Protein backbone atom coordinates (compact mmCIF):
# COMPACT_ATOMS: atom_id res chain seq x y z
CA MET A 1 -26.49 -12.17 2.94
CA ALA A 2 -25.00 -8.81 1.90
CA LYS A 3 -23.28 -8.49 5.26
CA ASN A 4 -21.50 -11.83 4.75
CA ILE A 5 -20.30 -10.74 1.31
CA ILE A 6 -18.95 -7.47 2.69
CA ILE A 7 -17.16 -9.30 5.52
CA PHE A 8 -15.67 -11.80 3.03
CA LEU A 9 -14.47 -9.01 0.71
CA GLY A 10 -12.98 -7.13 3.66
CA PHE A 11 -11.14 -10.27 4.76
CA LEU A 12 -9.88 -10.80 1.20
CA CYS A 13 -8.59 -7.21 1.05
CA PHE A 14 -6.92 -7.61 4.43
CA ILE A 15 -5.11 -10.78 3.35
CA SER A 16 -4.08 -9.10 0.10
CA LEU A 17 -2.60 -6.14 1.96
CA ILE A 18 -0.69 -8.31 4.41
CA THR A 19 0.82 -10.56 1.77
CA ALA A 20 1.67 -7.72 -0.63
CA CYS A 21 4.52 -6.37 1.50
CA ALA A 22 7.77 -7.26 -0.24
CA PRO A 23 11.18 -6.75 1.35
CA SER A 24 13.10 -3.65 0.28
CA GLY A 25 15.29 -4.10 -2.79
CA TYR A 26 13.15 -7.03 -3.95
CA THR A 27 12.90 -6.10 -7.64
CA MET A 28 14.70 -4.03 -10.24
CA HIS A 29 11.43 -2.80 -11.79
CA ARG A 30 11.18 1.01 -11.96
CA TYR A 31 7.98 2.12 -10.27
CA GLY A 32 5.98 5.06 -11.64
CA PHE A 33 2.81 6.85 -10.59
CA PHE A 34 0.57 3.80 -10.18
CA GLY A 35 3.27 1.87 -8.32
CA GLY A 36 3.63 4.85 -5.99
CA PHE A 37 -0.13 5.01 -5.50
CA TRP A 38 -0.21 1.31 -4.56
CA HIS A 39 2.72 1.70 -2.17
CA GLY A 40 1.01 4.72 -0.58
CA LEU A 41 -2.10 2.60 0.03
CA LEU A 42 0.11 -0.12 1.58
CA PHE A 43 1.91 2.28 3.90
CA LEU A 44 0.25 1.11 7.11
CA PRO A 45 1.03 -2.65 6.84
CA ASP A 46 4.52 -1.82 5.54
CA PHE A 47 5.13 0.50 8.48
CA ILE A 48 3.91 -2.09 10.98
CA GLY A 49 6.15 -4.71 9.37
CA LYS A 50 9.10 -2.31 9.54
CA ILE A 51 8.49 -1.66 13.26
CA LEU A 52 8.23 -5.39 13.98
CA GLY A 53 11.51 -6.03 12.17
CA PHE A 54 10.28 -7.95 9.12
CA GLY A 55 12.45 -5.93 6.70
CA THR A 56 9.60 -4.60 4.58
CA GLY A 57 10.23 -1.53 2.48
CA ILE A 58 8.25 1.65 3.08
CA TYR A 59 8.85 2.86 -0.49
CA ALA A 60 10.47 1.55 -3.69
CA ASP A 61 14.15 2.43 -3.98
CA ASN A 62 14.04 2.11 -7.76
CA ASN A 63 11.39 4.70 -8.67
CA THR A 64 10.91 7.28 -11.42
CA GLY A 65 11.08 10.32 -9.14
CA PHE A 66 8.36 12.96 -9.05
CA SER A 67 5.62 10.85 -10.62
CA TYR A 68 6.27 8.02 -8.14
CA TRP A 69 6.17 10.35 -5.14
CA ALA A 70 3.05 12.12 -6.42
CA GLY A 71 1.29 8.75 -6.63
CA TYR A 72 2.70 7.69 -3.27
CA PHE A 73 1.37 10.71 -1.40
CA LEU A 74 -1.94 10.57 -3.24
CA GLY A 75 -2.33 6.92 -2.18
CA PHE A 76 -1.24 7.74 1.36
CA PHE A 77 -3.75 10.56 1.72
CA TRP A 78 -6.49 8.54 0.01
CA LEU A 79 -5.95 5.84 2.64
CA GLY A 80 -6.12 8.32 5.49
CA PHE A 81 -8.58 10.95 4.40
CA GLY A 82 -10.40 9.67 1.32
CA SER A 83 -12.04 6.80 3.15
CA ARG A 84 -13.73 9.23 5.55
CA PHE A 85 -15.67 10.82 2.70
CA LEU A 86 -17.09 7.55 1.37
CA LYS A 87 -19.95 7.52 3.90
């Protein structure tokens, strides 16, 4: 029972990550720390979309600067290294 719930939640997260990739220049919203963190977590599907030619943006062009990039790299490293320490 618990295994099915975990598989369902994993599938839901996967679908959320795939559909969350917006094309570059999509919005005029200025992204701050939390927007950068979210974009850092979404780096892998964005990068794959960029390689396949879907026109997805790797980062937000309209960002606040240092706070955005601090969140971006924190999200990027959390995705890569933080998940290894959750065991």
